Amino acid sequence: MCKRFLTLYVRLNNIRLRDKILFRARFSTKTSVPTKSVYTTDRPPMPPFTEETARKKVQAAEDAWNSLDPMRVAQAYTEDSMWRNRSTFLQGRPAIQAFLQAKWSREQNYRLKKHYFTHSDNKIAVTFQYEYQSTLDSKWYRAYGNEHWTFDDAGYMKERNASINDVEIAENERFISDEVNVERFSSGTFLG
């Protein structure tokens, strides 16, 4: 088990390094992204994270995304935050806000559950799933994904790297709602 986990961990880090290099090349500027925060207001919890504070950060992100308020969500990111969402690359709060507004106009009845996976001093990894009804075909979908987050000193997210896959579901197969306890999926295994 330990050897299998270590192999998976090394593979994920190699993929993450490759994606980071490609990501930075795509959004390269003459100056690097500062690690010291330029904000005068902190956004707790802040690095270095403990498991408890990392879990609080994950819950705060889940709550913000379930608000369906692009401005509220975008405020959690640095002004020059870099994103990879599926095959879309974004940089900056205005781009993030526009992306989320377009996303939620296509994804009705959106409901998300994020799960803490692991953390380090200024990074958090989560698994997540969300369900939505497409405005394009009125079908229901469940999306499964992983995110890697990197934070600045003040607790703002400066990088978000998300890999996501969608599965078509019937409406009666939904299990993310206010009425259903999704804590049974807290292990991050959503195959139910």
N, C-alpha and C. Protein backbone atom coordinates (compact mmCIF):
# COMPACT_ATOMS: atom_id res chain seq x y z
N MET A 1 0.83 -1.19 0.00
CA MET A 1 0.00 0.00 0.00
C MET A 1 0.88 1.26 0.00
N CYS A 2 1.87 1.28 0.87
CA CYS A 2 2.75 2.44 0.98
C CYS A 2 3.52 2.66 -0.33
N LYS A 3 4.03 1.56 -0.91
CA LYS A 3 4.78 1.67 -2.16
C LYS A 3 3.86 2.18 -3.28
N ARG A 4 2.61 1.68 -3.31
CA ARG A 4 1.64 2.11 -4.32
C ARG A 4 1.34 3.61 -4.17
N PHE A 5 1.16 4.05 -2.92
CA PHE A 5 0.90 5.47 -2.66
C PHE A 5 2.09 6.32 -3.09
N LEU A 6 3.30 5.86 -2.76
CA LEU A 6 4.49 6.62 -3.12
C LEU A 6 4.63 6.73 -4.64
N THR A 7 4.35 5.64 -5.36
CA THR A 7 4.40 5.66 -6.83
C THR A 7 3.38 6.66 -7.37
N LEU A 8 2.17 6.63 -6.84
CA LEU A 8 1.13 7.57 -7.26
C LEU A 8 1.53 9.00 -6.95
N TYR A 9 2.10 9.21 -5.77
CA TYR A 9 2.53 10.54 -5.36
C TYR A 9 3.60 11.09 -6.31
N VAL A 10 4.57 10.26 -6.66
CA VAL A 10 5.64 10.68 -7.58
C VAL A 10 5.05 11.00 -8.94
N ARG A 11 4.14 10.16 -9.44
CA ARG A 11 3.51 10.43 -10.74
C ARG A 11 2.75 11.75 -10.71
N LEU A 12 1.96 11.98 -9.65
CA LEU A 12 1.20 13.22 -9.56
C LEU A 12 2.12 14.44 -9.51
N ASN A 13 3.22 14.33 -8.77
CA ASN A 13 4.16 15.45 -8.70
C ASN A 13 4.82 15.70 -10.04
N ASN A 14 5.15 14.64 -10.78
CA ASN A 14 5.74 14.81 -12.11
C ASN A 14 4.75 15.47 -13.06
N ILE A 15 3.50 15.04 -13.01
CA ILE A 15 2.46 15.65 -13.85
C ILE A 15 2.26 17.10 -13.43
N ARG A 16 2.22 17.35 -12.12
CA ARG A 16 2.02 18.71 -11.63
C ARG A 16 3.17 19.61 -12.07
N LEU A 17 4.41 19.10 -12.00
CA LEU A 17 5.56 19.89 -12.42
C LEU A 17 5.46 20.21 -13.91
N ARG A 18 5.12 19.22 -14.74
CA ARG A 18 4.98 19.45 -16.18
C ARG A 18 3.89 20.48 -16.45
N ASP A 19 2.72 20.31 -15.79
CA ASP A 19 1.62 21.27 -15.97
C ASP A 19 2.02 22.66 -15.51
N LYS A 20 2.76 22.75 -14.42
CA LYS A 20 3.19 24.05 -13.89
C LYS A 20 4.10 24.75 -14.89
N ILE A 21 5.02 23.99 -15.47
CA ILE A 21 5.93 24.56 -16.46
C ILE A 21 5.14 25.06 -17.67
N LEU A 22 4.21 24.24 -18.16
CA LEU A 22 3.38 24.65 -19.30
C LEU A 22 2.51 25.85 -18.94
N PHE A 23 1.95 25.81 -17.73
CA PHE A 23 1.08 26.88 -17.26
C PHE A 23 1.84 28.20 -17.18
N ARG A 24 3.00 28.17 -16.57
CA ARG A 24 3.80 29.39 -16.44
C ARG A 24 4.27 29.89 -17.80
N ALA A 25 4.61 28.97 -18.69
CA ALA A 25 5.03 29.38 -20.03
C ALA A 25 3.89 30.09 -20.75
N ARG A 26 2.68 29.60 -20.56
CA ARG A 26 1.53 30.20 -21.23
C ARG A 26 1.24 31.61 -20.71
N PHE A 27 1.48 31.83 -19.42
CA PHE A 27 1.17 33.12 -18.81
C PHE A 27 2.42 33.86 -18.34
N SER A 28 3.53 33.60 -19.00
CA SER A 28 4.78 34.19 -18.53
C SER A 28 4.77 35.70 -18.67
N THR A 29 5.38 36.33 -17.70
CA THR A 29 5.57 37.78 -17.70
C THR A 29 7.03 38.02 -17.33
N LYS A 30 7.46 39.27 -17.42
CA LYS A 30 8.85 39.58 -17.09
C LYS A 30 9.12 39.47 -15.59
N THR A 31 8.07 39.62 -14.77
CA THR A 31 8.25 39.49 -13.34
C THR A 31 7.55 38.24 -12.85
N SER A 32 8.08 37.65 -11.82
CA SER A 32 7.48 36.44 -11.28
C SER A 32 6.36 36.80 -10.31
N VAL A 33 5.52 35.82 -10.03
CA VAL A 33 4.42 36.02 -9.08
C VAL A 33 5.01 36.09 -7.68
N PRO A 34 4.71 37.16 -6.93
CA PRO A 34 5.30 37.28 -5.60
C PRO A 34 4.73 36.23 -4.66
N THR A 35 5.56 35.74 -3.74
CA THR A 35 5.06 34.84 -2.72
C THR A 35 4.59 35.63 -1.52
N LYS A 36 5.14 36.80 -1.32
CA LYS A 36 4.70 37.67 -0.23
C LYS A 36 3.43 38.39 -0.69
N SER A 37 2.42 38.37 0.14
CA SER A 37 1.15 38.96 -0.24
C SER A 37 1.24 40.47 -0.37
N VAL A 38 0.52 41.01 -1.35
CA VAL A 38 0.45 42.45 -1.53
C VAL A 38 -0.83 43.01 -0.92
N TYR A 39 -1.62 42.16 -0.26
CA TYR A 39 -2.90 42.58 0.31
C TYR A 39 -2.71 43.04 1.75
N THR A 40 -3.47 44.05 2.13
CA THR A 40 -3.40 44.54 3.49
C THR A 40 -4.35 43.78 4.40
N THR A 41 -5.30 43.07 3.84
CA THR A 41 -6.24 42.28 4.62
C THR A 41 -5.94 40.81 4.43
N ASP A 42 -5.76 40.10 5.55
CA ASP A 42 -5.53 38.67 5.47
C ASP A 42 -6.83 37.93 5.20
N ARG A 43 -6.72 36.73 4.65
CA ARG A 43 -7.86 35.88 4.36
C ARG A 43 -7.67 34.55 5.09
N PRO A 44 -8.00 34.52 6.39
CA PRO A 44 -7.76 33.33 7.18
C PRO A 44 -8.63 32.15 6.71
N PRO A 45 -8.20 30.94 7.04
CA PRO A 45 -6.91 30.61 7.62
C PRO A 45 -5.78 30.81 6.62
N MET A 46 -4.61 31.09 7.16
CA MET A 46 -3.44 31.41 6.33
C MET A 46 -2.35 30.37 6.53
N PRO A 47 -1.47 30.24 5.53
CA PRO A 47 -0.33 29.33 5.69
C PRO A 47 0.57 29.79 6.83
N PRO A 48 1.31 28.87 7.41
CA PRO A 48 1.36 27.44 7.11
C PRO A 48 0.11 26.74 7.66
N PHE A 49 -0.40 25.79 6.87
CA PHE A 49 -1.62 25.10 7.22
C PHE A 49 -1.36 23.91 8.13
N THR A 50 -2.31 23.67 9.03
CA THR A 50 -2.39 22.41 9.76
C THR A 50 -3.53 21.65 9.09
N GLU A 51 -3.74 20.41 9.45
CA GLU A 51 -4.88 19.69 8.86
C GLU A 51 -6.19 20.40 9.20
N GLU A 52 -6.31 20.89 10.42
CA GLU A 52 -7.53 21.58 10.83
C GLU A 52 -7.76 22.85 10.01
N THR A 53 -6.74 23.68 9.83
CA THR A 53 -6.93 24.92 9.08
C THR A 53 -7.11 24.65 7.59
N ALA A 54 -6.46 23.61 7.08
CA ALA A 54 -6.66 23.24 5.67
C ALA A 54 -8.10 22.80 5.44
N ARG A 55 -8.65 22.02 6.36
CA ARG A 55 -10.06 21.60 6.23
C ARG A 55 -11.00 22.80 6.28
N LYS A 56 -10.67 23.79 7.11
CA LYS A 56 -11.49 25.01 7.17
C LYS A 56 -11.44 25.76 5.84
N LYS A 57 -10.26 25.81 5.23
CA LYS A 57 -10.10 26.48 3.93
C LYS A 57 -10.93 25.76 2.87
N VAL A 58 -10.93 24.43 2.90
CA VAL A 58 -11.72 23.64 1.95
C VAL A 58 -13.22 23.92 2.14
N GLN A 59 -13.67 23.95 3.39
CA GLN A 59 -15.09 24.22 3.65
C GLN A 59 -15.48 25.63 3.21
N ALA A 60 -14.60 26.59 3.43
CA ALA A 60 -14.88 27.97 3.01
C ALA A 60 -15.00 28.03 1.48
N ALA A 61 -14.14 27.31 0.78
CA ALA A 61 -14.22 27.28 -0.69
C ALA A 61 -15.52 26.63 -1.14
N GLU A 62 -15.89 25.53 -0.52
CA GLU A 62 -17.16 24.86 -0.87
C GLU A 62 -18.34 25.81 -0.67
N ASP A 63 -18.37 26.49 0.46
CA ASP A 63 -19.47 27.42 0.75
C ASP A 63 -19.52 28.55 -0.28
N ALA A 64 -18.37 29.09 -0.64
CA ALA A 64 -18.33 30.18 -1.62
C ALA A 64 -18.83 29.70 -2.98
N TRP A 65 -18.35 28.55 -3.45
CA TRP A 65 -18.76 28.05 -4.76
C TRP A 65 -20.26 27.72 -4.77
N ASN A 66 -20.79 27.20 -3.68
CA ASN A 66 -22.22 26.89 -3.64
C ASN A 66 -23.09 28.15 -3.56
N SER A 67 -22.49 29.30 -3.29
CA SER A 67 -23.25 30.55 -3.30
C SER A 67 -23.60 30.97 -4.74
N LEU A 68 -22.86 30.42 -5.71
CA LEU A 68 -23.03 30.77 -7.13
C LEU A 68 -22.82 32.26 -7.39
N ASP A 69 -21.99 32.87 -6.57
CA ASP A 69 -21.69 34.30 -6.69
C ASP A 69 -20.26 34.45 -7.21
N PRO A 70 -20.09 34.72 -8.52
CA PRO A 70 -18.74 34.80 -9.09
C PRO A 70 -17.84 35.82 -8.39
N MET A 71 -18.40 36.94 -7.95
CA MET A 71 -17.59 37.95 -7.28
C MET A 71 -17.09 37.44 -5.93
N ARG A 72 -17.96 36.78 -5.18
CA ARG A 72 -17.56 36.23 -3.88
C ARG A 72 -16.45 35.19 -4.05
N VAL A 73 -16.60 34.31 -5.03
CA VAL A 73 -15.59 33.28 -5.26
C VAL A 73 -14.27 33.93 -5.69
N ALA A 74 -14.33 34.87 -6.62
CA ALA A 74 -13.12 35.50 -7.16
C ALA A 74 -12.32 36.24 -6.09
N GLN A 75 -12.98 36.72 -5.04
CA GLN A 75 -12.29 37.45 -3.98
C GLN A 75 -11.33 36.57 -3.18
N ALA A 76 -11.43 35.26 -3.30
CA ALA A 76 -10.54 34.35 -2.57
C ALA A 76 -9.20 34.19 -3.26
N TYR A 77 -9.06 34.75 -4.48
CA TYR A 77 -7.86 34.56 -5.29
C TYR A 77 -7.05 35.85 -5.35
N THR A 78 -5.75 35.71 -5.58
CA THR A 78 -4.91 36.89 -5.77
C THR A 78 -5.33 37.60 -7.05
N GLU A 79 -4.98 38.87 -7.16
CA GLU A 79 -5.33 39.65 -8.36
C GLU A 79 -4.81 39.01 -9.64
N ASP A 80 -3.65 38.35 -9.54
CA ASP A 80 -3.03 37.73 -10.72
C ASP A 80 -3.04 36.20 -10.65
N SER A 81 -3.98 35.66 -9.91
CA SER A 81 -4.09 34.22 -9.74
C SER A 81 -4.10 33.50 -11.08
N MET A 82 -3.41 32.35 -11.12
CA MET A 82 -3.36 31.55 -12.35
C MET A 82 -4.20 30.30 -12.15
N TRP A 83 -5.03 30.01 -13.15
CA TRP A 83 -5.94 28.86 -13.11
C TRP A 83 -5.73 27.95 -14.30
N ARG A 84 -5.89 26.67 -14.04
CA ARG A 84 -6.16 25.71 -15.11
C ARG A 84 -7.42 25.00 -14.67
N ASN A 85 -8.48 25.13 -15.46
CA ASN A 85 -9.75 24.47 -15.20
C ASN A 85 -10.06 23.62 -16.43
N ARG A 86 -9.89 22.31 -16.30
CA ARG A 86 -9.98 21.41 -17.45
C ARG A 86 -8.93 21.85 -18.46
N SER A 87 -9.34 22.27 -19.65
CA SER A 87 -8.38 22.72 -20.67
C SER A 87 -8.39 24.24 -20.82
N THR A 88 -9.00 24.94 -19.89
CA THR A 88 -9.06 26.40 -19.92
C THR A 88 -8.01 26.98 -18.99
N PHE A 89 -7.24 27.94 -19.48
CA PHE A 89 -6.23 28.61 -18.70
C PHE A 89 -6.66 30.06 -18.50
N LEU A 90 -6.63 30.50 -17.25
CA LEU A 90 -7.06 31.85 -16.91
C LEU A 90 -6.01 32.52 -16.04
N GLN A 91 -6.02 33.86 -16.05
CA GLN A 91 -5.19 34.59 -15.11
C GLN A 91 -5.91 35.86 -14.69
N GLY A 92 -6.00 36.05 -13.37
CA GLY A 92 -6.56 37.27 -12.80
C GLY A 92 -8.02 37.15 -12.39
N ARG A 93 -8.37 37.94 -11.40
CA ARG A 93 -9.74 37.94 -10.87
C ARG A 93 -10.82 38.25 -11.91
N PRO A 94 -10.63 39.26 -12.77
CA PRO A 94 -11.68 39.54 -13.76
C PRO A 94 -11.94 38.33 -14.67
N ALA A 95 -10.89 37.63 -15.08
CA ALA A 95 -11.07 36.44 -15.94
C ALA A 95 -11.76 35.33 -15.17
N ILE A 96 -11.41 35.16 -13.90
CA ILE A 96 -12.04 34.13 -13.07
C ILE A 96 -13.53 34.43 -12.90
N GLN A 97 -13.84 35.68 -12.60
CA GLN A 97 -15.22 36.08 -12.41
C GLN A 97 -16.04 35.87 -13.69
N ALA A 98 -15.51 36.25 -14.83
CA ALA A 98 -16.21 36.06 -16.11
C ALA A 98 -16.40 34.58 -16.41
N PHE A 99 -15.38 33.79 -16.14
CA PHE A 99 -15.46 32.34 -16.36
C PHE A 99 -16.58 31.74 -15.52
N LEU A 100 -16.63 32.09 -14.23
CA LEU A 100 -17.65 31.52 -13.34
C LEU A 100 -19.05 31.98 -13.73
N GLN A 101 -19.19 33.21 -14.15
CA GLN A 101 -20.50 33.70 -14.58
C GLN A 101 -20.99 32.90 -15.78
N ALA A 102 -20.13 32.66 -16.76
CA ALA A 102 -20.51 31.87 -17.93
C ALA A 102 -20.78 30.42 -17.53
N LYS A 103 -19.96 29.86 -16.66
CA LYS A 103 -20.11 28.47 -16.21
C LYS A 103 -21.49 28.28 -15.58
N TRP A 104 -21.83 29.14 -14.62
CA TRP A 104 -23.08 28.94 -13.90
C TRP A 104 -24.30 29.34 -14.71
N SER A 105 -24.11 30.03 -15.81
CA SER A 105 -25.26 30.27 -16.70
C SER A 105 -25.58 29.01 -17.51
N ARG A 106 -24.59 28.12 -17.69
CA ARG A 106 -24.79 26.85 -18.40
C ARG A 106 -25.14 25.70 -17.47
N GLU A 107 -24.77 25.82 -16.19
CA GLU A 107 -24.93 24.74 -15.23
C GLU A 107 -25.96 25.14 -14.17
N GLN A 108 -27.21 24.77 -14.41
CA GLN A 108 -28.30 25.10 -13.49
C GLN A 108 -28.36 24.07 -12.36
N ASN A 109 -28.96 24.45 -11.22
CA ASN A 109 -29.13 23.55 -10.07
C ASN A 109 -27.78 22.98 -9.61
N TYR A 110 -26.76 23.81 -9.69
CA TYR A 110 -25.39 23.44 -9.34
C TYR A 110 -25.28 23.18 -7.84
N ARG A 111 -24.64 22.08 -7.48
CA ARG A 111 -24.39 21.76 -6.08
C ARG A 111 -23.06 21.03 -5.98
N LEU A 112 -22.17 21.50 -5.09
CA LEU A 112 -20.80 21.04 -5.00
C LEU A 112 -20.48 20.48 -3.62
N LYS A 113 -19.63 19.45 -3.58
CA LYS A 113 -19.06 18.95 -2.33
C LYS A 113 -17.57 18.77 -2.53
N LYS A 114 -16.76 19.46 -1.70
CA LYS A 114 -15.30 19.34 -1.75
C LYS A 114 -14.85 18.49 -0.57
N HIS A 115 -13.74 17.75 -0.77
CA HIS A 115 -13.20 16.89 0.27
C HIS A 115 -11.70 17.13 0.40
N TYR A 116 -11.27 17.40 1.61
CA TYR A 116 -9.85 17.55 1.91
C TYR A 116 -9.13 16.26 1.53
N PHE A 117 -7.98 16.38 0.85
CA PHE A 117 -7.17 15.21 0.53
C PHE A 117 -5.84 15.26 1.29
N THR A 118 -5.08 16.34 1.11
CA THR A 118 -3.82 16.50 1.83
C THR A 118 -3.40 17.96 1.78
N HIS A 119 -2.33 18.28 2.49
CA HIS A 119 -1.83 19.66 2.49
C HIS A 119 -0.34 19.68 2.81
N SER A 120 0.28 20.81 2.54
CA SER A 120 1.63 21.13 3.03
C SER A 120 1.56 22.55 3.55
N ASP A 121 2.70 23.18 3.75
CA ASP A 121 2.69 24.52 4.36
C ASP A 121 1.75 25.50 3.67
N ASN A 122 1.86 25.64 2.33
CA ASN A 122 1.03 26.63 1.63
C ASN A 122 0.23 26.01 0.48
N LYS A 123 0.05 24.70 0.51
CA LYS A 123 -0.69 24.01 -0.56
C LYS A 123 -1.76 23.11 0.05
N ILE A 124 -2.86 22.97 -0.70
CA ILE A 124 -3.94 22.07 -0.30
C ILE A 124 -4.39 21.33 -1.55
N ALA A 125 -4.64 20.03 -1.39
CA ALA A 125 -5.20 19.23 -2.48
C ALA A 125 -6.58 18.75 -2.04
N VAL A 126 -7.53 18.83 -2.96
CA VAL A 126 -8.90 18.38 -2.67
C VAL A 126 -9.39 17.48 -3.79
N THR A 127 -10.34 16.64 -3.44
CA THR A 127 -11.14 15.95 -4.44
C THR A 127 -12.53 16.57 -4.32
N PHE A 128 -13.29 16.52 -5.38
CA PHE A 128 -14.62 17.12 -5.32
C PHE A 128 -15.54 16.45 -6.32
N GLN A 129 -16.79 16.73 -6.13
CA GLN A 129 -17.81 16.34 -7.11
C GLN A 129 -18.88 17.41 -7.07
N TYR A 130 -19.49 17.63 -8.21
CA TYR A 130 -20.64 18.51 -8.25
C TYR A 130 -21.63 17.99 -9.27
N GLU A 131 -22.88 18.38 -9.07
CA GLU A 131 -23.94 17.98 -9.97
C GLU A 131 -24.61 19.23 -10.52
N TYR A 132 -25.08 19.12 -11.76
CA TYR A 132 -25.74 20.25 -12.39
C TYR A 132 -26.62 19.74 -13.52
N GLN A 133 -27.53 20.61 -13.92
CA GLN A 133 -28.38 20.33 -15.07
C GLN A 133 -27.95 21.29 -16.18
N SER A 134 -27.58 20.73 -17.31
CA SER A 134 -27.08 21.53 -18.42
C SER A 134 -28.21 22.32 -19.07
N THR A 135 -27.96 23.59 -19.34
CA THR A 135 -28.95 24.39 -20.06
C THR A 135 -28.92 24.06 -21.55
N LEU A 136 -27.89 23.37 -22.01
CA LEU A 136 -27.77 23.03 -23.43
C LEU A 136 -28.67 21.86 -23.82
N ASP A 137 -28.73 20.83 -22.95
CA ASP A 137 -29.52 19.65 -23.31
C ASP A 137 -30.49 19.21 -22.21
N SER A 138 -30.57 19.96 -21.11
CA SER A 138 -31.44 19.68 -19.96
C SER A 138 -31.11 18.37 -19.24
N LYS A 139 -29.99 17.75 -19.57
CA LYS A 139 -29.59 16.52 -18.90
C LYS A 139 -28.83 16.84 -17.62
N TRP A 140 -28.83 15.87 -16.71
CA TRP A 140 -28.11 15.99 -15.45
C TRP A 140 -26.72 15.39 -15.59
N TYR A 141 -25.75 16.01 -14.91
CA TYR A 141 -24.37 15.53 -14.92
C TYR A 141 -23.79 15.57 -13.52
N ARG A 142 -22.86 14.67 -13.27
CA ARG A 142 -22.04 14.73 -12.06
C ARG A 142 -20.60 14.87 -12.54
N ALA A 143 -19.91 15.84 -12.00
CA ALA A 143 -18.51 16.07 -12.34
C ALA A 143 -17.64 15.60 -11.17
N TYR A 144 -16.58 14.90 -11.50
CA TYR A 144 -15.61 14.43 -10.51
C TYR A 144 -14.29 15.13 -10.79
N GLY A 145 -13.59 15.53 -9.73
CA GLY A 145 -12.33 16.20 -10.00
C GLY A 145 -11.37 16.26 -8.84
N ASN A 146 -10.19 16.76 -9.16
CA ASN A 146 -9.11 17.00 -8.21
C ASN A 146 -8.62 18.42 -8.42
N GLU A 147 -8.28 19.07 -7.33
CA GLU A 147 -7.71 20.41 -7.41
C GLU A 147 -6.45 20.47 -6.56
N HIS A 148 -5.47 21.23 -7.05
CA HIS A 148 -4.28 21.55 -6.28
C HIS A 148 -4.25 23.07 -6.14
N TRP A 149 -4.18 23.53 -4.90
CA TRP A 149 -4.21 24.96 -4.61
C TRP A 149 -2.88 25.39 -4.00
N THR A 150 -2.42 26.58 -4.36
CA THR A 150 -1.24 27.19 -3.74
C THR A 150 -1.64 28.58 -3.26
N PHE A 151 -1.26 28.91 -2.03
CA PHE A 151 -1.68 30.16 -1.39
C PHE A 151 -0.51 31.08 -1.13
N ASP A 152 -0.81 32.39 -1.10
CA ASP A 152 0.20 33.36 -0.68
C ASP A 152 0.18 33.47 0.85
N ASP A 153 1.04 34.30 1.40
CA ASP A 153 1.17 34.42 2.86
C ASP A 153 -0.10 34.91 3.55
N ALA A 154 -0.92 35.67 2.85
CA ALA A 154 -2.13 36.24 3.45
C ALA A 154 -3.34 35.33 3.32
N GLY A 155 -3.18 34.16 2.69
CA GLY A 155 -4.28 33.21 2.59
C GLY A 155 -5.08 33.30 1.30
N TYR A 156 -4.61 34.09 0.33
CA TYR A 156 -5.28 34.17 -0.97
C TYR A 156 -4.70 33.09 -1.89
N MET A 157 -5.55 32.48 -2.70
CA MET A 157 -5.09 31.43 -3.60
C MET A 157 -4.42 32.07 -4.82
N LYS A 158 -3.17 31.68 -5.08
CA LYS A 158 -2.46 32.24 -6.22
C LYS A 158 -2.40 31.28 -7.40
N GLU A 159 -2.65 29.98 -7.15
CA GLU A 159 -2.71 29.00 -8.24
C GLU A 159 -3.81 27.99 -7.95
N ARG A 160 -4.56 27.66 -8.98
CA ARG A 160 -5.58 26.61 -8.91
C ARG A 160 -5.44 25.75 -10.15
N ASN A 161 -5.22 24.47 -9.93
CA ASN A 161 -5.05 23.52 -11.03
C ASN A 161 -6.13 22.46 -10.86
N ALA A 162 -7.12 22.42 -11.77
CA ALA A 162 -8.26 21.50 -11.62
C ALA A 162 -8.39 20.57 -12.82
N SER A 163 -8.52 19.29 -12.52
CA SER A 163 -8.81 18.27 -13.54
C SER A 163 -10.20 17.74 -13.24
N ILE A 164 -11.06 17.73 -14.26
CA ILE A 164 -12.48 17.43 -14.04
C ILE A 164 -13.01 16.56 -15.17
N ASN A 165 -13.84 15.58 -14.79
CA ASN A 165 -14.53 14.72 -15.75
C ASN A 165 -16.03 14.72 -15.44
N ASP A 166 -16.86 14.69 -16.47
CA ASP A 166 -18.31 14.67 -16.30
C ASP A 166 -18.88 13.30 -16.65
N VAL A 167 -19.93 12.92 -15.91
CA VAL A 167 -20.66 11.70 -16.17
C VAL A 167 -22.14 12.06 -16.23
N GLU A 168 -22.82 11.64 -17.28
CA GLU A 168 -24.24 11.89 -17.37
C GLU A 168 -24.96 10.99 -16.36
N ILE A 169 -25.94 11.57 -15.65
CA ILE A 169 -26.71 10.82 -14.66
C ILE A 169 -28.20 11.10 -14.87
N ALA A 170 -29.02 10.23 -14.35
CA ALA A 170 -30.47 10.49 -14.33
C ALA A 170 -30.77 11.37 -13.12
N GLU A 171 -31.85 12.13 -13.18
CA GLU A 171 -32.17 13.02 -12.08
C GLU A 171 -32.32 12.26 -10.77
N ASN A 172 -32.88 11.04 -10.82
CA ASN A 172 -33.07 10.28 -9.58
C ASN A 172 -31.76 9.67 -9.05
N GLU A 173 -30.65 9.83 -9.78
CA GLU A 173 -29.34 9.36 -9.33
C GLU A 173 -28.55 10.44 -8.59
N ARG A 174 -29.11 11.62 -8.49
CA ARG A 174 -28.42 12.71 -7.79
C ARG A 174 -28.28 12.36 -6.31
N PHE A 175 -27.14 12.72 -5.72
CA PHE A 175 -27.01 12.55 -4.28
C PHE A 175 -26.40 13.76 -3.59
N ILE A 176 -26.16 14.82 -4.31
CA ILE A 176 -25.68 16.05 -3.68
C ILE A 176 -26.85 17.02 -3.63
N SER A 177 -27.37 17.20 -2.43
CA SER A 177 -28.47 18.15 -2.25
C SER A 177 -28.52 18.53 -0.78
N ASP A 178 -29.35 19.49 -0.44
CA ASP A 178 -29.47 19.89 0.95
C ASP A 178 -30.11 18.79 1.79
N GLU A 179 -30.90 17.92 1.14
CA GLU A 179 -31.63 16.88 1.87
C GLU A 179 -30.81 15.61 2.08
N VAL A 180 -29.72 15.44 1.32
CA VAL A 180 -28.95 14.20 1.37
C VAL A 180 -27.62 14.46 2.06
N ASN A 181 -27.26 13.59 2.99
CA ASN A 181 -25.99 13.69 3.71
C ASN A 181 -24.89 13.13 2.83
N VAL A 182 -24.02 13.99 2.32
CA VAL A 182 -22.95 13.53 1.45
C VAL A 182 -21.68 13.19 2.22
N GLU A 183 -21.72 13.23 3.54
CA GLU A 183 -20.53 12.91 4.32
C GLU A 183 -20.09 11.47 4.12
N ARG A 184 -20.99 10.60 3.66
CA ARG A 184 -20.57 9.23 3.40
C ARG A 184 -19.55 9.18 2.27
N PHE A 185 -19.40 10.27 1.53
CA PHE A 185 -18.44 10.34 0.46
C PHE A 185 -17.18 11.09 0.87
N SER A 186 -16.98 11.30 2.16
CA SER A 186 -15.89 12.13 2.63
C SER A 186 -14.51 11.53 2.36
N SER A 187 -14.45 10.26 2.02
CA SER A 187 -13.15 9.67 1.71
C SER A 187 -12.63 10.15 0.37
N GLY A 188 -13.50 10.80 -0.40
CA GLY A 188 -13.09 11.23 -1.73
C GLY A 188 -13.40 10.19 -2.78
N THR A 189 -13.96 9.04 -2.37
CA THR A 189 -14.36 8.01 -3.32
C THR A 189 -15.83 8.19 -3.60
N PHE A 190 -16.15 8.55 -4.81
CA PHE A 190 -17.52 8.94 -5.11
C PHE A 190 -18.22 7.94 -6.01
N LEU A 191 -17.77 6.74 -6.06
CA LEU A 191 -18.35 5.79 -6.99
C LEU A 191 -19.55 5.08 -6.38
N GLY A 192 -19.85 5.40 -5.15
CA GLY A 192 -21.00 5.08 -4.39
C GLY A 192 -21.59 3.75 -4.48
